[in-house]
N, C-alpha and C. Protein backbone atom coordinates (compact mmCIF):
# COMPACT_ATOMS: atom_id res chain seq x y z
N UNK A 1 0.85 -1.18 0.00
CA UNK A 1 0.00 0.00 0.00
C UNK A 1 0.90 1.24 0.00
N UNK A 2 0.64 2.18 -0.90
CA UNK A 2 1.50 3.37 -0.94
C UNK A 2 1.15 4.34 0.19
N UNK A 3 1.98 5.38 0.34
CA UNK A 3 1.82 6.33 1.44
C UNK A 3 0.47 7.00 1.48
N UNK A 4 -0.05 7.38 0.29
CA UNK A 4 -1.33 8.07 0.25
C UNK A 4 -2.44 7.17 0.77
N UNK A 5 -2.48 5.92 0.33
CA UNK A 5 -3.52 5.01 0.78
C UNK A 5 -3.37 4.71 2.27
N UNK A 6 -2.14 4.59 2.75
CA UNK A 6 -1.94 4.38 4.18
C UNK A 6 -2.49 5.55 4.98
N UNK A 7 -2.29 6.76 4.48
CA UNK A 7 -2.79 7.95 5.18
C UNK A 7 -4.30 7.94 5.27
N UNK A 8 -4.95 7.63 4.16
CA UNK A 8 -6.41 7.57 4.17
C UNK A 8 -6.90 6.44 5.06
N UNK A 9 -6.21 5.30 5.02
CA UNK A 9 -6.60 4.18 5.87
C UNK A 9 -6.45 4.55 7.34
N UNK A 10 -5.36 5.23 7.68
CA UNK A 10 -5.16 5.66 9.07
C UNK A 10 -6.26 6.62 9.50
N UNK A 11 -6.64 7.54 8.62
CA UNK A 11 -7.69 8.48 8.95
C UNK A 11 -9.02 7.76 9.15
N UNK A 12 -9.32 6.81 8.25
CA UNK A 12 -10.57 6.07 8.39
C UNK A 12 -10.59 5.25 9.67
N UNK A 13 -9.45 4.62 10.02
CA UNK A 13 -9.38 3.87 11.28
C UNK A 13 -9.61 4.79 12.47
N UNK A 14 -9.02 5.99 12.43
CA UNK A 14 -9.23 6.96 13.50
C UNK A 14 -10.69 7.37 13.59
N UNK A 15 -11.33 7.49 12.42
CA UNK A 15 -12.76 7.84 12.41
C UNK A 15 -13.57 6.74 13.07
N UNK A 16 -13.26 5.47 12.72
CA UNK A 16 -14.02 4.36 13.27
C UNK A 16 -13.83 4.28 14.79
N UNK A 17 -12.58 4.48 15.25
CA UNK A 17 -12.31 4.42 16.67
C UNK A 17 -13.02 5.54 17.43
N UNK A 18 -13.16 6.70 16.80
CA UNK A 18 -13.78 7.83 17.49
C UNK A 18 -15.27 7.94 17.17
N UNK A 19 -15.80 6.98 16.41
CA UNK A 19 -17.21 7.04 16.04
C UNK A 19 -17.50 8.05 14.97
N UNK A 20 -16.50 8.43 14.20
CA UNK A 20 -16.65 9.43 13.15
C UNK A 20 -17.48 8.92 11.99
N UNK A 21 -17.90 9.84 11.16
CA UNK A 21 -18.74 9.52 10.00
C UNK A 21 -17.85 9.41 8.77
N UNK A 22 -18.12 8.42 7.95
CA UNK A 22 -17.34 8.24 6.72
C UNK A 22 -17.77 9.28 5.68
N UNK A 23 -16.90 9.49 4.70
CA UNK A 23 -17.15 10.47 3.65
C UNK A 23 -18.31 10.02 2.77
N UNK A 24 -19.22 10.93 2.55
CA UNK A 24 -20.31 10.72 1.61
C UNK A 24 -20.20 11.75 0.51
N UNK A 25 -20.90 11.55 -0.59
CA UNK A 25 -20.79 12.46 -1.73
C UNK A 25 -20.99 13.91 -1.35
N UNK A 26 -21.95 14.23 -0.53
CA UNK A 26 -22.25 15.62 -0.22
C UNK A 26 -21.50 16.16 1.00
N UNK A 27 -20.59 15.38 1.56
CA UNK A 27 -19.93 15.76 2.80
C UNK A 27 -18.64 16.53 2.51
N UNK A 28 -18.77 17.79 2.07
CA UNK A 28 -17.61 18.59 1.69
C UNK A 28 -16.70 18.91 2.86
N UNK A 29 -17.27 19.13 4.03
CA UNK A 29 -16.45 19.44 5.20
C UNK A 29 -15.52 18.27 5.52
N UNK A 30 -16.05 17.06 5.47
CA UNK A 30 -15.25 15.87 5.76
C UNK A 30 -14.17 15.69 4.70
N UNK A 31 -14.51 15.95 3.44
CA UNK A 31 -13.51 15.87 2.37
C UNK A 31 -12.39 16.87 2.62
N UNK A 32 -12.76 18.07 3.06
CA UNK A 32 -11.77 19.09 3.36
C UNK A 32 -10.85 18.63 4.48
N UNK A 33 -11.40 17.97 5.50
CA UNK A 33 -10.59 17.46 6.60
C UNK A 33 -9.62 16.39 6.12
N UNK A 34 -10.09 15.51 5.25
CA UNK A 34 -9.22 14.46 4.71
C UNK A 34 -8.12 15.09 3.86
N UNK A 35 -8.47 16.07 3.04
CA UNK A 35 -7.46 16.74 2.21
C UNK A 35 -6.43 17.42 3.09
N UNK A 36 -6.89 18.12 4.13
CA UNK A 36 -5.98 18.80 5.04
C UNK A 36 -5.05 17.80 5.73
N UNK A 37 -5.62 16.66 6.16
CA UNK A 37 -4.81 15.61 6.79
C UNK A 37 -3.76 15.11 5.81
N UNK A 38 -4.16 14.88 4.57
CA UNK A 38 -3.23 14.38 3.56
C UNK A 38 -2.12 15.40 3.28
N UNK A 39 -2.46 16.67 3.21
CA UNK A 39 -1.45 17.71 2.98
C UNK A 39 -0.45 17.75 4.14
N UNK A 40 -0.95 17.63 5.37
CA UNK A 40 -0.05 17.62 6.52
C UNK A 40 0.94 16.46 6.41
N UNK A 41 0.42 15.29 5.97
CA UNK A 41 1.27 14.12 5.81
C UNK A 41 2.35 14.40 4.76
N UNK A 42 1.96 14.99 3.64
CA UNK A 42 2.94 15.28 2.59
C UNK A 42 3.96 16.30 3.05
N UNK A 43 3.52 17.34 3.74
CA UNK A 43 4.42 18.39 4.17
C UNK A 43 5.40 17.93 5.24
N UNK A 44 5.07 16.87 5.95
CA UNK A 44 5.97 16.38 6.98
C UNK A 44 7.04 15.46 6.42
N UNK A 45 6.93 15.09 5.17
CA UNK A 45 7.91 14.18 4.56
C UNK A 45 9.21 14.92 4.24
N UNK A 46 10.33 14.22 4.41
CA UNK A 46 11.62 14.83 4.13
C UNK A 46 11.87 15.00 2.64
N UNK A 47 11.24 14.17 1.81
CA UNK A 47 11.49 14.23 0.37
C UNK A 47 10.49 15.14 -0.35
N UNK A 48 10.03 16.19 0.34
CA UNK A 48 9.03 17.09 -0.21
C UNK A 48 9.47 17.71 -1.53
N UNK A 49 10.76 17.93 -1.73
CA UNK A 49 11.23 18.56 -2.96
C UNK A 49 10.98 17.68 -4.17
N UNK A 50 10.77 16.40 -3.97
CA UNK A 50 10.56 15.48 -5.08
C UNK A 50 9.08 15.25 -5.37
N UNK A 51 8.19 15.93 -4.67
CA UNK A 51 6.76 15.68 -4.85
C UNK A 51 6.13 16.69 -5.80
N UNK A 52 4.93 16.34 -6.22
CA UNK A 52 4.15 17.25 -7.07
C UNK A 52 3.83 18.54 -6.32
N UNK A 53 3.72 18.44 -5.00
CA UNK A 53 3.40 19.62 -4.19
C UNK A 53 4.49 20.68 -4.33
N UNK A 54 5.75 20.26 -4.34
CA UNK A 54 6.84 21.22 -4.49
C UNK A 54 6.77 21.91 -5.85
N UNK A 55 6.44 21.16 -6.89
CA UNK A 55 6.30 21.76 -8.22
C UNK A 55 5.13 22.72 -8.26
N UNK A 56 4.05 22.34 -7.61
CA UNK A 56 2.87 23.22 -7.57
C UNK A 56 3.20 24.51 -6.84
N UNK A 57 4.01 24.43 -5.79
CA UNK A 57 4.40 25.61 -5.03
C UNK A 57 5.18 26.58 -5.91
N UNK A 58 6.11 26.05 -6.73
CA UNK A 58 6.86 26.91 -7.65
C UNK A 58 5.92 27.55 -8.66
N UNK A 59 4.96 26.78 -9.15
CA UNK A 59 3.98 27.30 -10.10
C UNK A 59 3.11 28.37 -9.45
N UNK A 60 2.73 28.16 -8.20
CA UNK A 60 1.94 29.15 -7.46
C UNK A 60 2.69 30.46 -7.33
N UNK A 61 3.97 30.38 -7.02
CA UNK A 61 4.78 31.59 -6.86
C UNK A 61 4.85 32.36 -8.18
N UNK A 62 4.97 31.64 -9.27
CA UNK A 62 5.00 32.29 -10.59
C UNK A 62 3.66 32.98 -10.88
N UNK A 63 2.57 32.34 -10.49
CA UNK A 63 1.25 32.94 -10.70
C UNK A 63 1.09 34.21 -9.87
N UNK A 64 1.61 34.20 -8.66
CA UNK A 64 1.52 35.40 -7.81
C UNK A 64 2.35 36.52 -8.42
N UNK A 65 3.54 36.20 -8.90
CA UNK A 65 4.39 37.23 -9.53
C UNK A 65 3.70 37.83 -10.74
N UNK A 66 3.10 36.98 -11.54
CA UNK A 66 2.36 37.47 -12.73
C UNK A 66 1.17 38.33 -12.30
N UNK A 67 0.46 37.88 -11.28
CA UNK A 67 -0.69 38.63 -10.76
C UNK A 67 -0.25 40.02 -10.31
N UNK A 68 0.85 40.08 -9.56
CA UNK A 68 1.33 41.36 -9.03
C UNK A 68 1.80 42.29 -10.15
N UNK A 69 2.39 41.74 -11.19
CA UNK A 69 2.80 42.57 -12.32
C UNK A 69 1.61 43.26 -12.97
N UNK A 70 0.47 42.56 -13.01
CA UNK A 70 -0.72 43.09 -13.67
C UNK A 70 -1.62 43.88 -12.72
N UNK A 71 -1.33 43.84 -11.44
CA UNK A 71 -2.18 44.52 -10.46
C UNK A 71 -2.16 46.03 -10.64
N UNK A 72 -3.35 46.61 -10.69
CA UNK A 72 -3.51 48.06 -10.76
C UNK A 72 -4.17 48.51 -9.45
N UNK A 73 -3.35 48.93 -8.52
CA UNK A 73 -3.84 49.30 -7.19
C UNK A 73 -3.02 50.51 -6.71
N UNK A 74 -3.67 51.51 -6.12
CA UNK A 74 -2.94 52.70 -5.68
C UNK A 74 -1.91 52.41 -4.58
N UNK A 75 -2.06 51.31 -3.86
CA UNK A 75 -1.13 50.96 -2.79
C UNK A 75 -0.27 49.74 -3.16
N UNK A 76 0.06 49.64 -4.42
CA UNK A 76 0.81 48.47 -4.90
C UNK A 76 2.17 48.35 -4.20
N UNK A 77 2.87 49.45 -4.00
CA UNK A 77 4.17 49.40 -3.32
C UNK A 77 4.01 48.91 -1.89
N UNK A 78 2.96 49.36 -1.23
CA UNK A 78 2.69 48.95 0.14
C UNK A 78 2.33 47.46 0.19
N UNK A 79 1.55 47.01 -0.78
CA UNK A 79 1.18 45.60 -0.86
C UNK A 79 2.44 44.75 -1.04
N UNK A 80 3.32 45.18 -1.94
CA UNK A 80 4.58 44.46 -2.16
C UNK A 80 5.42 44.39 -0.88
N UNK A 81 5.44 45.47 -0.13
CA UNK A 81 6.21 45.49 1.12
C UNK A 81 5.63 44.50 2.13
N UNK A 82 4.30 44.45 2.24
CA UNK A 82 3.67 43.49 3.15
C UNK A 82 3.94 42.07 2.69
N UNK A 83 3.91 41.84 1.38
CA UNK A 83 4.26 40.51 0.84
C UNK A 83 5.66 40.11 1.26
N UNK A 84 6.61 41.01 1.13
CA UNK A 84 8.00 40.72 1.50
C UNK A 84 8.10 40.38 2.99
N UNK A 85 7.39 41.11 3.81
CA UNK A 85 7.43 40.86 5.25
C UNK A 85 6.88 39.48 5.57
N UNK A 86 5.74 39.14 4.99
CA UNK A 86 5.13 37.83 5.26
C UNK A 86 6.03 36.70 4.76
N UNK A 87 6.52 36.84 3.54
CA UNK A 87 7.36 35.77 2.98
C UNK A 87 8.68 35.62 3.74
N UNK A 88 9.22 36.71 4.26
CA UNK A 88 10.48 36.63 4.99
C UNK A 88 10.30 36.21 6.44
N UNK A 89 9.07 36.14 6.91
CA UNK A 89 8.84 35.82 8.31
C UNK A 89 9.20 34.38 8.65
N UNK A 90 9.03 33.47 7.69
CA UNK A 90 9.30 32.06 7.96
C UNK A 90 9.49 31.35 6.62
N UNK A 91 10.55 30.55 6.48
CA UNK A 91 10.78 29.87 5.19
C UNK A 91 9.74 28.80 4.86
N UNK A 92 8.94 28.39 5.83
CA UNK A 92 7.90 27.39 5.58
C UNK A 92 6.64 27.99 4.96
N UNK A 93 6.51 29.30 5.02
CA UNK A 93 5.32 29.98 4.50
C UNK A 93 5.40 30.04 2.98
N UNK A 94 4.33 29.61 2.33
CA UNK A 94 4.25 29.60 0.87
C UNK A 94 3.17 30.56 0.40
N UNK A 95 3.28 30.98 -0.84
CA UNK A 95 2.39 32.00 -1.42
C UNK A 95 1.65 31.43 -2.62
N UNK A 96 0.40 31.81 -2.75
CA UNK A 96 -0.40 31.43 -3.91
C UNK A 96 -1.54 32.43 -4.07
N UNK A 97 -2.32 32.26 -5.11
CA UNK A 97 -3.50 33.10 -5.32
C UNK A 97 -4.72 32.38 -4.74
N UNK A 98 -5.44 33.10 -3.90
CA UNK A 98 -6.69 32.61 -3.32
C UNK A 98 -7.63 33.81 -3.24
N UNK A 99 -8.87 33.63 -3.53
CA UNK A 99 -9.85 34.73 -3.51
C UNK A 99 -9.38 35.86 -4.42
N UNK A 100 -8.72 35.53 -5.50
CA UNK A 100 -8.21 36.49 -6.49
C UNK A 100 -7.25 37.50 -5.86
N UNK A 101 -6.38 37.00 -4.97
CA UNK A 101 -5.40 37.86 -4.30
C UNK A 101 -4.27 36.98 -3.75
N UNK A 102 -3.10 37.57 -3.49
CA UNK A 102 -2.03 36.79 -2.85
C UNK A 102 -2.48 36.26 -1.48
N UNK A 103 -2.12 35.02 -1.23
CA UNK A 103 -2.51 34.35 0.00
C UNK A 103 -1.32 33.52 0.49
N UNK A 104 -1.27 33.29 1.80
CA UNK A 104 -0.12 32.62 2.40
C UNK A 104 -0.59 31.46 3.26
N UNK A 105 0.17 30.37 3.16
CA UNK A 105 -0.19 29.16 3.88
C UNK A 105 1.06 28.39 4.28
N UNK A 106 0.87 27.51 5.25
CA UNK A 106 1.90 26.55 5.60
C UNK A 106 1.23 25.20 5.42
N UNK A 107 0.69 24.62 6.45
CA UNK A 107 -0.09 23.40 6.29
C UNK A 107 -1.52 23.74 5.90
N UNK A 108 -1.98 24.86 6.41
CA UNK A 108 -3.33 25.35 6.12
C UNK A 108 -3.23 26.83 5.75
N UNK A 109 -4.27 27.34 5.14
CA UNK A 109 -4.31 28.76 4.80
C UNK A 109 -4.25 29.59 6.07
N UNK A 110 -3.51 30.72 5.98
CA UNK A 110 -3.35 31.57 7.15
C UNK A 110 -3.86 32.99 6.92
N UNK A 111 -3.42 33.62 5.83
CA UNK A 111 -3.74 35.03 5.63
C UNK A 111 -3.84 35.31 4.13
N UNK A 112 -4.79 36.17 3.78
CA UNK A 112 -5.02 36.54 2.38
C UNK A 112 -5.25 38.04 2.30
N UNK A 113 -4.72 38.64 1.25
CA UNK A 113 -5.00 40.05 0.98
C UNK A 113 -6.44 40.21 0.53
N UNK A 114 -7.04 41.33 0.88
CA UNK A 114 -8.34 41.74 0.34
C UNK A 114 -8.06 43.02 -0.44
N UNK A 115 -8.00 42.90 -1.77
CA UNK A 115 -7.52 44.01 -2.60
C UNK A 115 -8.62 44.82 -3.28
N UNK A 116 -9.86 44.53 -2.99
CA UNK A 116 -10.95 45.29 -3.61
C UNK A 116 -11.04 46.70 -3.03
N UNK A 117 -10.56 46.84 -1.82
CA UNK A 117 -10.56 48.15 -1.15
C UNK A 117 -9.28 48.88 -1.55
N UNK A 118 -9.40 50.16 -1.88
CA UNK A 118 -8.25 50.92 -2.34
C UNK A 118 -7.77 51.96 -1.34
N UNK A 119 -8.45 52.10 -0.19
CA UNK A 119 -8.07 53.10 0.80
C UNK A 119 -6.96 52.63 1.72
N UNK A 120 -6.79 51.31 1.83
CA UNK A 120 -5.78 50.76 2.73
C UNK A 120 -5.40 49.35 2.26
N UNK A 121 -4.31 48.84 2.80
CA UNK A 121 -3.94 47.45 2.58
C UNK A 121 -4.69 46.64 3.64
N UNK A 122 -5.41 45.64 3.19
CA UNK A 122 -6.28 44.87 4.07
C UNK A 122 -5.86 43.41 4.03
N UNK A 123 -5.52 42.87 5.19
CA UNK A 123 -5.20 41.45 5.33
C UNK A 123 -6.30 40.76 6.11
N UNK A 124 -6.68 39.57 5.65
CA UNK A 124 -7.65 38.75 6.37
C UNK A 124 -6.91 37.53 6.91
N UNK A 125 -6.79 37.46 8.23
CA UNK A 125 -6.22 36.28 8.87
C UNK A 125 -7.37 35.32 9.14
N UNK A 126 -7.36 34.19 8.45
CA UNK A 126 -8.50 33.28 8.54
C UNK A 126 -8.13 31.90 9.07
N UNK A 127 -6.91 31.73 9.55
CA UNK A 127 -6.57 30.45 10.18
C UNK A 127 -7.26 30.39 11.54
N UNK A 128 -7.83 29.22 11.91
CA UNK A 128 -8.59 29.14 13.17
C UNK A 128 -7.81 29.55 14.42
N UNK A 129 -6.50 29.37 14.43
CA UNK A 129 -5.71 29.71 15.61
C UNK A 129 -5.49 31.20 15.79
N UNK A 130 -5.82 32.00 14.79
CA UNK A 130 -5.57 33.45 14.91
C UNK A 130 -6.36 34.05 16.08
N UNK A 131 -7.47 33.44 16.43
CA UNK A 131 -8.26 33.98 17.54
C UNK A 131 -7.55 33.84 18.88
N UNK A 132 -6.51 32.99 18.95
CA UNK A 132 -5.76 32.80 20.19
C UNK A 132 -4.58 33.77 20.32
N UNK A 133 -4.34 34.54 19.27
CA UNK A 133 -3.19 35.45 19.28
C UNK A 133 -3.62 36.83 19.75
N UNK A 134 -2.91 37.31 20.73
CA UNK A 134 -3.16 38.65 21.26
C UNK A 134 -2.18 39.62 20.59
N UNK A 135 -2.72 40.55 19.81
CA UNK A 135 -1.88 41.51 19.11
C UNK A 135 -2.67 42.78 18.85
N UNK A 136 -2.02 43.93 18.99
CA UNK A 136 -2.71 45.18 18.68
C UNK A 136 -3.01 45.33 17.18
N UNK A 137 -2.32 44.57 16.35
CA UNK A 137 -2.58 44.65 14.90
C UNK A 137 -3.89 43.97 14.51
N UNK A 138 -4.23 42.90 15.22
CA UNK A 138 -5.38 42.08 14.84
C UNK A 138 -6.69 42.69 15.34
N UNK A 139 -7.58 42.96 14.40
CA UNK A 139 -8.87 43.57 14.72
C UNK A 139 -9.96 42.53 14.53
N UNK A 140 -10.82 42.41 15.54
CA UNK A 140 -11.87 41.40 15.51
C UNK A 140 -13.13 41.97 14.86
N UNK A 141 -13.44 41.45 13.67
CA UNK A 141 -14.72 41.78 13.02
C UNK A 141 -15.62 40.56 12.98
N UNK A 142 -15.03 39.39 13.10
CA UNK A 142 -15.75 38.12 13.06
C UNK A 142 -15.20 37.25 14.19
N UNK A 143 -16.00 36.28 14.62
CA UNK A 143 -15.56 35.40 15.70
C UNK A 143 -14.34 34.57 15.32
N UNK A 144 -14.24 34.17 14.05
CA UNK A 144 -13.19 33.24 13.65
C UNK A 144 -12.13 33.84 12.73
N UNK A 145 -12.11 35.14 12.55
CA UNK A 145 -11.14 35.82 11.69
C UNK A 145 -10.65 37.09 12.36
N UNK A 146 -9.49 37.55 11.89
CA UNK A 146 -8.98 38.83 12.35
C UNK A 146 -8.50 39.63 11.13
N UNK A 147 -8.65 40.92 11.21
CA UNK A 147 -8.27 41.82 10.11
C UNK A 147 -7.08 42.66 10.53
N UNK A 148 -6.28 43.04 9.52
CA UNK A 148 -5.18 43.97 9.72
C UNK A 148 -5.30 45.00 8.60
N UNK A 149 -5.14 46.28 8.96
CA UNK A 149 -5.24 47.37 7.98
C UNK A 149 -3.99 48.24 8.07
N UNK A 150 -3.46 48.59 6.90
CA UNK A 150 -2.34 49.53 6.82
C UNK A 150 -2.71 50.63 5.84
N UNK A 151 -2.51 51.88 6.26
CA UNK A 151 -2.82 53.02 5.38
C UNK A 151 -1.59 53.63 4.75
N UNK A 152 -0.40 53.28 5.25
CA UNK A 152 0.81 53.92 4.72
C UNK A 152 2.01 52.98 4.87
N UNK A 153 3.07 53.33 4.15
CA UNK A 153 4.32 52.58 4.26
C UNK A 153 4.89 52.71 5.68
N UNK A 154 4.69 53.86 6.29
CA UNK A 154 5.18 54.08 7.66
C UNK A 154 4.51 53.09 8.63
N UNK A 155 3.20 52.93 8.51
CA UNK A 155 2.49 51.97 9.37
C UNK A 155 3.00 50.55 9.15
N UNK A 156 3.26 50.21 7.88
CA UNK A 156 3.75 48.86 7.55
C UNK A 156 5.12 48.63 8.18
N UNK A 157 6.01 49.59 8.02
CA UNK A 157 7.35 49.44 8.59
C UNK A 157 7.33 49.37 10.11
N UNK A 158 6.45 50.14 10.72
CA UNK A 158 6.32 50.12 12.18
C UNK A 158 5.80 48.77 12.67
N UNK A 159 4.93 48.14 11.90
CA UNK A 159 4.29 46.90 12.31
C UNK A 159 4.99 45.63 11.82
N UNK A 160 6.09 45.77 11.09
CA UNK A 160 6.74 44.61 10.46
C UNK A 160 7.09 43.50 11.45
N UNK A 161 7.69 43.85 12.57
CA UNK A 161 8.10 42.84 13.55
C UNK A 161 6.88 42.11 14.10
N UNK A 162 5.83 42.86 14.41
CA UNK A 162 4.61 42.24 14.95
C UNK A 162 3.93 41.36 13.92
N UNK A 163 3.92 41.78 12.67
CA UNK A 163 3.32 40.97 11.60
C UNK A 163 4.08 39.65 11.46
N UNK A 164 5.40 39.71 11.50
CA UNK A 164 6.21 38.48 11.44
C UNK A 164 5.93 37.58 12.64
N UNK A 165 5.75 38.19 13.80
CA UNK A 165 5.46 37.40 15.00
C UNK A 165 4.14 36.64 14.86
N UNK A 166 3.13 37.30 14.31
CA UNK A 166 1.82 36.67 14.11
C UNK A 166 1.94 35.49 13.15
N UNK A 167 2.62 35.69 12.03
CA UNK A 167 2.78 34.61 11.05
C UNK A 167 3.54 33.45 11.68
N UNK A 168 4.59 33.73 12.42
CA UNK A 168 5.36 32.66 13.06
C UNK A 168 4.57 31.92 14.12
N UNK A 169 3.71 32.61 14.83
CA UNK A 169 2.85 31.93 15.80
C UNK A 169 1.88 30.98 15.09
N UNK A 170 1.35 31.40 13.95
CA UNK A 170 0.45 30.52 13.20
C UNK A 170 1.19 29.28 12.69
N UNK A 171 2.41 29.45 12.22
CA UNK A 171 3.22 28.31 11.79
C UNK A 171 3.49 27.39 12.99
N UNK A 172 3.83 27.97 14.11
CA UNK A 172 4.11 27.19 15.32
C UNK A 172 2.88 26.39 15.76
N UNK A 173 1.71 27.02 15.75
CA UNK A 173 0.47 26.32 16.11
C UNK A 173 0.24 25.13 15.19
N UNK A 174 0.48 25.32 13.90
CA UNK A 174 0.27 24.23 12.95
C UNK A 174 1.28 23.10 13.16
N UNK A 175 2.52 23.45 13.50
CA UNK A 175 3.52 22.42 13.79
C UNK A 175 3.11 21.60 15.00
N UNK A 176 2.62 22.26 16.05
CA UNK A 176 2.18 21.54 17.25
C UNK A 176 0.99 20.64 16.93
N UNK A 177 0.10 21.10 16.09
CA UNK A 177 -1.08 20.32 15.72
C UNK A 177 -0.69 19.07 14.95
N UNK A 178 0.33 19.15 14.13
CA UNK A 178 0.69 18.03 13.26
C UNK A 178 1.47 16.93 14.00
N UNK A 179 1.91 17.22 15.23
CA UNK A 179 2.70 16.20 15.98
C UNK A 179 1.83 15.31 16.81
C-alpha cells in the first residue's frame, strides 16, 4: 500500500475508533478534513522537494508574480512590502493566489490580501488559531477571523516585527497540531 492510501486508511481507522462519520458524496467538510490531513502528511515528509506539491508551489509563486505585475492598485508598493514581510517571516510559509489575491499558507491557509478596497492594505487572517493570538494589529470583526489594515508605508514598517510574530505563531500552532 503506498503512502497516500496508508494515510487515508489511518484516517478512516481513527474515524471508526472515534465514532466518526465516513465520507459521503455531499460531505464537503469531511472531504476538506481528509485533504488537510493528507497535505499535513505530505508536508511532513523529508522528500518534499521530489513531490508534485513542491512543483505546484513553484507554479503558485509564478502565478503570484504574474498577478502582481498586472495589479492596478494605488497601494501596490505597500502591498509588495507586506508581501515581503510575510514571505520573509518564515521559510515554511508559501504564497499562492486565493480569492483572487495573494494568499499565504503553511499546512493550512493563514492570511489573504483583500484588494478590492483601495483606501488601505487589508489582510484577512483566517486560520482558526488566529483567535488565540493577542496583538494590537489584529482587529476582531468576526468570531473566527482577524483583520489587519495599513494606510501607509510608515504603518507597515512600524508593524513589520509584529506581523512576522503573528505569522510565526500561526506556523508554530500548525507544527504543534501536526505532531
